[in-house]
Amino acid sequence: MTRPFLGRNSIQAAFFLALLLGLPYALPNEYYLSICILGCLSAVIAVGLNLLMGYAGQISLGHAAFYGIGAYVTAIATTRLGLPIPVGMGLGVGLAALVAWIVAAPTLKLKGHYLAMATLGFGIIVSIVFNEAVDWTGGPSGYVGIPRLALFGYSFDSDHSYYNLMAVVLALVVLGALNLMKSRTGRALRALHVSEKAAASLGVDISAHKRFVFVLSAALAGLAGVLYAHYLSFIAPASFGFTFSVQLVVMVVLGGMASVWGSVAGAFFLTILPEALREFEDIDILVYGAILVATIMFLPDGLAGGAGRLLRKLRRPGGRHDG
């Protein structure tokens, strides 16, 4: 019998957290630390999206909408309504999950391209609301004056303190995802990815498991959204549009489908890569595209799969190839 928060997964998550907490001391300045914070936020969403796509086999092109819902709800709750920050954060995550639960009923009956188009349509509708509901969201100009995060009497008013918080949050999300995949629910999700008919014949409630993982992935996106809002103190609809939804899907595919660690790797890779390409100026988008194409061509199973193959080769006697 497995113990969820003990064993190998806990050791991996603890080691990962130690690496994250030690990373700032290797960075030249706080600008790079802010990039790492954004990488952690993207990784939280990507882990949830990979649970939906990589494990359950359900695609979503509208996850940026849940990210935005979390951000705008906590912004409005803590500024206009004057609610405490923890309450605003809870409302942000809760409403993102509630909207996902409502949306899941009709959309998850669809499959393949039809499901992708349905989630795309949902994302576009939410983006329009963010832009047009000027009185509540600030419209295209954005929403300002969001308070910096303060919990239990402690204010996360520096990038270093906020990064440490994000490192802990990401490590816990990773640990939870790893344990979920080892649980009975995780095995059911894997089964319905392979064959829904076969899973149903084994007693798996297909619709309930699809809705569960969809709501869970949306809640993680909402969590990232509330943390994003209280980090920057400013949000705008452009951050939660279709482009970011596509980037999230690319993070999952590039990192490795059905791999929690791949989600993290893909998120950090695609967050850091544009910064590394700034020196190329006019041709940065071409270099960016070439790197993505080359990575997908030579690492068809993602960064995580490529790293796994490399480790297996290194473990062989003398590091030699077979044959």
Protein backbone atom coordinates (compact mmCIF):
# COMPACT_ATOMS: atom_id res chain seq x y z
CA MET A 1 0.00 0.00 0.00
CA THR A 2 1.48 3.36 -1.03
CA ARG A 3 1.72 6.29 1.36
CA PRO A 4 0.94 9.48 -0.59
CA PHE A 5 3.33 11.93 1.04
CA LEU A 6 6.13 9.54 1.91
CA GLY A 7 8.72 7.73 -0.13
CA ARG A 8 10.31 8.44 -3.43
CA ASN A 9 8.03 11.26 -4.52
CA SER A 10 8.65 13.17 -1.30
CA ILE A 11 12.41 12.77 -1.68
CA GLN A 12 12.28 14.00 -5.27
CA ALA A 13 10.12 17.00 -4.33
CA ALA A 14 12.39 17.86 -1.38
CA PHE A 15 15.49 17.71 -3.59
CA PHE A 16 13.73 19.83 -6.21
CA LEU A 17 12.78 22.41 -3.57
CA ALA A 18 16.37 22.55 -2.34
CA LEU A 19 17.57 23.22 -5.90
CA LEU A 20 14.99 25.97 -6.36
CA LEU A 21 15.86 27.65 -3.06
CA GLY A 22 19.55 27.59 -3.92
CA LEU A 23 19.07 28.98 -7.44
CA PRO A 24 18.96 32.71 -6.49
CA TYR A 25 22.49 32.55 -5.15
CA ALA A 26 23.73 31.58 -8.62
CA LEU A 27 21.96 34.44 -10.41
CA PRO A 28 23.74 37.72 -11.22
CA ASN A 29 20.86 40.05 -10.27
CA GLU A 30 17.19 40.23 -9.27
CA TYR A 31 16.00 40.66 -12.85
CA TYR A 32 16.74 37.00 -13.48
CA LEU A 33 15.01 36.18 -10.22
CA SER A 34 11.83 37.79 -11.55
CA ILE A 35 12.10 35.58 -14.65
CA CYS A 36 12.35 32.54 -12.40
CA ILE A 37 9.22 33.63 -10.53
CA LEU A 38 7.35 33.78 -13.83
CA GLY A 39 8.80 30.37 -14.68
CA CYS A 40 7.42 28.94 -11.44
CA LEU A 41 3.99 30.43 -12.17
CA SER A 42 3.97 28.92 -15.67
CA ALA A 43 5.14 25.59 -14.26
CA VAL A 44 2.22 25.45 -11.82
CA ILE A 45 -0.22 25.87 -14.73
CA ALA A 46 1.71 23.48 -16.98
CA VAL A 47 1.66 20.71 -14.36
CA GLY A 48 -2.12 21.00 -14.12
CA LEU A 49 -2.51 21.13 -17.90
CA ASN A 50 -0.33 18.04 -18.29
CA LEU A 51 -2.59 16.17 -15.88
CA LEU A 52 -5.44 17.02 -18.25
CA MET A 53 -3.62 16.49 -21.57
CA GLY A 54 -0.82 14.05 -20.92
CA TYR A 55 -2.56 11.74 -18.47
CA ALA A 56 -6.30 12.11 -19.17
CA GLY A 57 -5.91 12.82 -22.90
CA GLN A 58 -8.14 15.92 -22.93
CA ILE A 59 -6.79 18.99 -24.75
CA SER A 60 -7.51 22.57 -23.68
CA LEU A 61 -6.77 25.73 -25.65
CA GLY A 62 -8.39 28.00 -23.09
CA HIS A 63 -6.44 27.53 -19.89
CA ALA A 64 -5.18 31.10 -19.90
CA ALA A 65 -8.80 32.06 -19.14
CA PHE A 66 -8.70 30.29 -15.77
CA TYR A 67 -5.35 31.98 -15.09
CA GLY A 68 -7.01 35.33 -15.78
CA ILE A 69 -10.12 34.55 -13.73
CA GLY A 70 -7.98 33.85 -10.67
CA ALA A 71 -6.01 37.06 -11.20
CA TYR A 72 -8.98 39.37 -11.78
CA VAL A 73 -11.15 37.94 -9.00
CA THR A 74 -8.49 38.39 -6.32
CA ALA A 75 -7.67 41.85 -7.70
CA ILE A 76 -11.29 43.01 -7.52
CA ALA A 77 -11.93 41.32 -4.16
CA THR A 78 -8.94 42.88 -2.43
CA THR A 79 -9.22 46.38 -3.91
CA ARG A 80 -12.84 47.23 -4.66
CA LEU A 81 -14.47 44.95 -2.10
CA GLY A 82 -11.80 45.46 0.55
CA LEU A 83 -11.57 41.77 1.44
CA PRO A 84 -8.44 40.30 3.09
CA ILE A 85 -5.86 38.95 0.65
CA PRO A 86 -6.28 35.27 1.70
CA VAL A 87 -10.05 35.57 1.11
CA GLY A 88 -9.48 37.17 -2.29
CA MET A 89 -7.05 34.41 -3.23
CA GLY A 90 -9.50 31.76 -2.12
CA LEU A 91 -12.26 33.37 -4.17
CA GLY A 92 -9.98 33.54 -7.21
CA VAL A 93 -9.07 29.86 -7.08
CA GLY A 94 -12.60 28.85 -6.13
CA LEU A 95 -14.28 30.76 -8.96
CA ALA A 96 -11.80 29.40 -11.51
CA ALA A 97 -12.65 25.88 -10.31
CA LEU A 98 -16.40 26.61 -10.31
CA VAL A 99 -16.33 27.98 -13.86
CA ALA A 100 -14.34 24.92 -14.95
CA TRP A 101 -16.90 22.62 -13.32
CA ILE A 102 -19.71 24.37 -15.22
CA VAL A 103 -17.81 24.44 -18.53
CA ALA A 104 -16.73 20.80 -18.20
CA ALA A 105 -20.27 19.42 -18.43
CA PRO A 106 -20.87 20.28 -22.11
CA THR A 107 -17.31 20.53 -23.42
CA LEU A 108 -15.90 17.25 -22.12
CA LYS A 109 -18.54 15.34 -24.04
CA LEU A 110 -16.59 16.38 -27.12
CA LYS A 111 -13.37 14.78 -28.33
CA GLY A 112 -10.30 15.70 -30.32
CA HIS A 113 -10.52 18.82 -32.46
CA TYR A 114 -14.06 19.54 -31.31
CA LEU A 115 -12.92 19.69 -27.68
CA ALA A 116 -10.00 21.91 -28.65
CA MET A 117 -12.34 24.30 -30.49
CA ALA A 118 -14.79 24.39 -27.57
CA THR A 119 -12.09 25.31 -25.06
CA LEU A 120 -10.67 27.81 -27.55
CA GLY A 121 -14.09 29.44 -27.81
CA PHE A 122 -14.38 29.60 -24.03
CA GLY A 123 -10.99 31.26 -23.76
CA ILE A 124 -11.89 33.84 -26.40
CA ILE A 125 -15.18 34.68 -24.63
CA VAL A 126 -13.39 35.23 -21.31
CA SER A 127 -10.76 37.36 -23.02
CA ILE A 128 -13.50 39.53 -24.53
CA VAL A 129 -15.07 39.96 -21.10
CA PHE A 130 -11.72 41.06 -19.65
CA ASN A 131 -11.40 43.66 -22.40
CA GLU A 132 -14.98 44.94 -22.50
CA ALA A 133 -15.95 44.97 -18.80
CA VAL A 134 -13.98 48.17 -18.32
CA ASP A 135 -15.73 49.22 -15.12
CA TRP A 136 -14.61 46.03 -13.39
CA THR A 137 -11.42 44.95 -15.15
CA GLY A 138 -9.97 48.24 -16.38
CA GLY A 139 -10.29 47.01 -19.96
CA PRO A 140 -7.26 46.88 -22.27
CA SER A 141 -5.43 49.42 -20.08
CA GLY A 142 -5.28 46.91 -17.26
CA TYR A 143 -6.05 46.81 -13.54
CA VAL A 144 -3.71 48.61 -11.17
CA GLY A 145 -3.28 48.98 -7.43
CA ILE A 146 -3.38 45.29 -6.49
CA PRO A 147 -1.76 44.88 -3.06
CA ARG A 148 1.43 42.89 -2.69
CA LEU A 149 0.97 39.51 -1.11
CA ALA A 150 0.81 39.38 2.69
CA LEU A 151 -0.04 36.19 4.57
CA PHE A 152 -0.13 35.48 8.29
CA GLY A 153 1.40 38.84 9.12
CA TYR A 154 4.30 38.45 6.70
CA SER A 155 4.60 40.64 3.60
CA PHE A 156 6.29 39.20 0.53
CA ASP A 157 7.53 42.59 -0.60
CA SER A 158 10.82 41.52 -2.19
CA ASP A 159 11.50 39.34 -5.21
CA HIS A 160 13.60 36.99 -3.12
CA SER A 161 10.86 36.37 -0.56
CA TYR A 162 8.26 35.94 -3.31
CA TYR A 163 10.51 33.53 -5.18
CA ASN A 164 10.95 31.43 -2.04
CA LEU A 165 7.17 31.28 -1.70
CA MET A 166 6.79 30.26 -5.34
CA ALA A 167 9.46 27.59 -4.93
CA VAL A 168 7.52 26.05 -2.04
CA VAL A 169 4.20 26.28 -3.92
CA LEU A 170 5.65 24.67 -7.04
CA ALA A 171 7.31 21.88 -5.05
CA LEU A 172 4.00 21.11 -3.31
CA VAL A 173 2.13 21.13 -6.63
CA VAL A 174 4.69 18.75 -8.11
CA LEU A 175 4.48 16.47 -5.07
CA GLY A 176 0.68 16.45 -5.23
CA ALA A 177 0.71 15.66 -8.96
CA LEU A 178 3.25 12.84 -8.56
CA ASN A 179 1.22 11.26 -5.78
CA LEU A 180 -2.02 11.67 -7.69
CA MET A 181 -0.60 9.73 -10.60
CA LYS A 182 0.36 6.90 -8.25
CA SER A 183 -3.13 6.77 -6.77
CA ARG A 184 -6.21 4.90 -7.91
CA THR A 185 -7.52 8.09 -9.53
CA GLY A 186 -4.28 8.52 -11.44
CA ARG A 187 -4.45 4.98 -12.76
CA ALA A 188 -8.03 5.61 -13.87
CA LEU A 189 -6.95 8.75 -15.73
CA ARG A 190 -4.22 6.81 -17.51
CA ALA A 191 -6.73 4.12 -18.43
CA LEU A 192 -9.23 6.52 -19.99
CA HIS A 193 -6.39 8.14 -21.96
CA VAL A 194 -5.57 4.78 -23.53
CA SER A 195 -9.17 3.75 -24.18
CA GLU A 196 -12.34 5.20 -22.70
CA LYS A 197 -14.34 2.08 -23.59
CA ALA A 198 -11.83 -0.21 -21.92
CA ALA A 199 -11.69 2.02 -18.84
CA ALA A 200 -15.49 2.07 -18.62
CA SER A 201 -15.57 -1.73 -18.83
CA LEU A 202 -13.29 -1.80 -15.78
CA GLY A 203 -15.69 0.32 -13.78
CA VAL A 204 -14.10 3.76 -14.28
CA ASP A 205 -16.60 6.63 -14.20
CA ILE A 206 -15.39 8.41 -17.34
CA SER A 207 -17.34 11.67 -17.02
CA ALA A 208 -16.56 12.07 -13.31
CA HIS A 209 -12.82 11.56 -13.81
CA LYS A 210 -12.72 13.91 -16.81
CA ARG A 211 -14.51 16.63 -14.86
CA PHE A 212 -12.28 16.09 -11.82
CA VAL A 213 -9.02 16.53 -13.71
CA PHE A 214 -10.40 19.46 -15.70
CA VAL A 215 -11.44 21.27 -12.52
CA LEU A 216 -8.14 20.43 -10.81
CA SER A 217 -6.09 21.79 -13.71
CA ALA A 218 -8.24 24.95 -13.79
CA ALA A 219 -7.83 25.42 -10.03
CA LEU A 220 -4.04 25.26 -10.41
CA ALA A 221 -4.26 27.85 -13.19
CA GLY A 222 -6.39 30.00 -10.89
CA LEU A 223 -3.82 29.59 -8.11
CA ALA A 224 -1.09 30.79 -10.45
CA GLY A 225 -3.33 33.69 -11.44
CA VAL A 226 -3.83 34.97 -7.90
CA LEU A 227 -0.11 34.69 -7.18
CA TYR A 228 0.68 36.50 -10.44
CA ALA A 229 -1.69 39.36 -9.62
CA HIS A 230 -0.27 39.92 -6.14
CA TYR A 231 3.27 39.72 -7.46
CA LEU A 232 3.06 42.34 -10.23
CA SER A 233 0.28 44.46 -8.65
CA PHE A 234 -0.92 45.02 -12.23
CA ILE A 235 -2.74 42.78 -14.68
CA ALA A 236 -4.00 43.26 -18.24
CA PRO A 237 -6.09 41.11 -20.61
CA ALA A 238 -3.13 40.61 -22.96
CA SER A 239 -1.52 38.32 -20.37
CA PHE A 240 -4.47 35.91 -20.44
CA GLY A 241 -5.24 35.57 -24.13
CA PHE A 242 -5.10 32.84 -26.74
CA THR A 243 -1.36 33.27 -27.28
CA PHE A 244 -0.58 32.29 -23.70
CA SER A 245 -2.95 29.30 -23.90
CA VAL A 246 -0.97 28.05 -26.90
CA GLN A 247 2.31 28.66 -25.06
CA LEU A 248 1.04 26.51 -22.20
CA VAL A 249 0.23 23.66 -24.58
CA VAL A 250 3.69 23.99 -26.14
CA MET A 251 5.26 23.86 -22.66
CA VAL A 252 3.49 20.57 -21.98
CA VAL A 253 4.33 19.01 -25.35
CA LEU A 254 7.91 20.28 -25.37
CA GLY A 255 8.56 19.19 -21.80
CA GLY A 256 7.02 15.76 -22.29
CA MET A 257 3.45 14.53 -22.27
CA ALA A 258 2.44 12.49 -19.22
CA SER A 259 5.48 13.73 -17.31
CA VAL A 260 5.15 16.02 -14.29
CA TRP A 261 8.85 16.87 -14.43
CA GLY A 262 8.54 17.48 -18.15
CA SER A 263 5.90 20.14 -17.46
CA VAL A 264 8.30 21.94 -15.16
CA ALA A 265 11.16 21.68 -17.64
CA GLY A 266 9.03 22.91 -20.54
CA ALA A 267 7.69 25.85 -18.52
CA PHE A 268 11.10 27.06 -17.44
CA PHE A 269 12.59 26.47 -20.87
CA LEU A 270 9.96 28.56 -22.67
CA THR A 271 10.05 31.28 -20.00
CA ILE A 272 13.82 31.68 -20.07
CA LEU A 273 14.36 31.17 -23.83
CA PRO A 274 12.88 34.53 -24.97
CA GLU A 275 15.10 36.34 -22.47
CA ALA A 276 18.17 34.48 -23.72
CA LEU A 277 17.33 35.47 -27.31
CA ARG A 278 17.01 39.22 -26.69
CA GLU A 279 20.52 39.82 -28.07
CA PHE A 280 19.39 38.54 -31.49
CA GLU A 281 16.90 41.45 -31.76
CA ASP A 282 15.30 41.37 -35.24
CA ILE A 283 15.73 37.63 -35.79
CA ASP A 284 14.83 36.48 -32.28
CA ILE A 285 11.47 35.06 -33.38
CA LEU A 286 13.20 33.02 -36.11
CA VAL A 287 15.75 31.61 -33.68
CA TYR A 288 12.97 30.92 -31.19
CA GLY A 289 10.97 28.98 -33.76
CA ALA A 290 14.03 27.08 -35.01
CA ILE A 291 14.91 25.96 -31.48
CA LEU A 292 11.36 24.75 -30.85
CA VAL A 293 11.21 22.85 -34.15
CA ALA A 294 14.63 21.27 -33.58
CA THR A 295 13.71 20.26 -30.04
CA ILE A 296 10.48 18.62 -31.14
CA MET A 297 12.20 16.88 -34.07
CA PHE A 298 15.10 15.43 -32.10
CA LEU A 299 13.27 15.01 -28.79
CA PRO A 300 9.85 13.68 -29.86
CA ASP A 301 9.10 12.55 -26.31
CA GLY A 302 10.03 15.94 -24.89
CA LEU A 303 12.81 17.28 -22.71
CA ALA A 304 11.99 14.84 -19.94
CA GLY A 305 12.13 11.87 -22.32
CA GLY A 306 15.46 13.03 -23.75
CA ALA A 307 16.92 13.49 -20.28
CA GLY A 308 15.69 10.02 -19.31
CA ARG A 309 17.38 8.42 -22.31
CA LEU A 310 20.61 10.24 -21.51
CA LEU A 311 20.56 9.03 -17.92
CA ARG A 312 19.95 5.44 -19.03
CA LYS A 313 22.94 5.64 -21.40
CA LEU A 314 25.16 7.03 -18.66
CA ARG A 315 24.16 4.20 -16.32
CA ARG A 316 25.40 1.59 -18.75
CA PRO A 317 28.90 0.23 -18.11
CA GLY A 318 31.37 2.67 -19.60
CA GLY A 319 28.49 4.84 -20.88
CA ARG A 320 28.60 2.90 -24.21
CA HIS A 321 25.71 2.39 -26.60
CA ASP A 322 24.37 -1.13 -27.07
CA GLY A 323 25.50 -2.93 -30.15
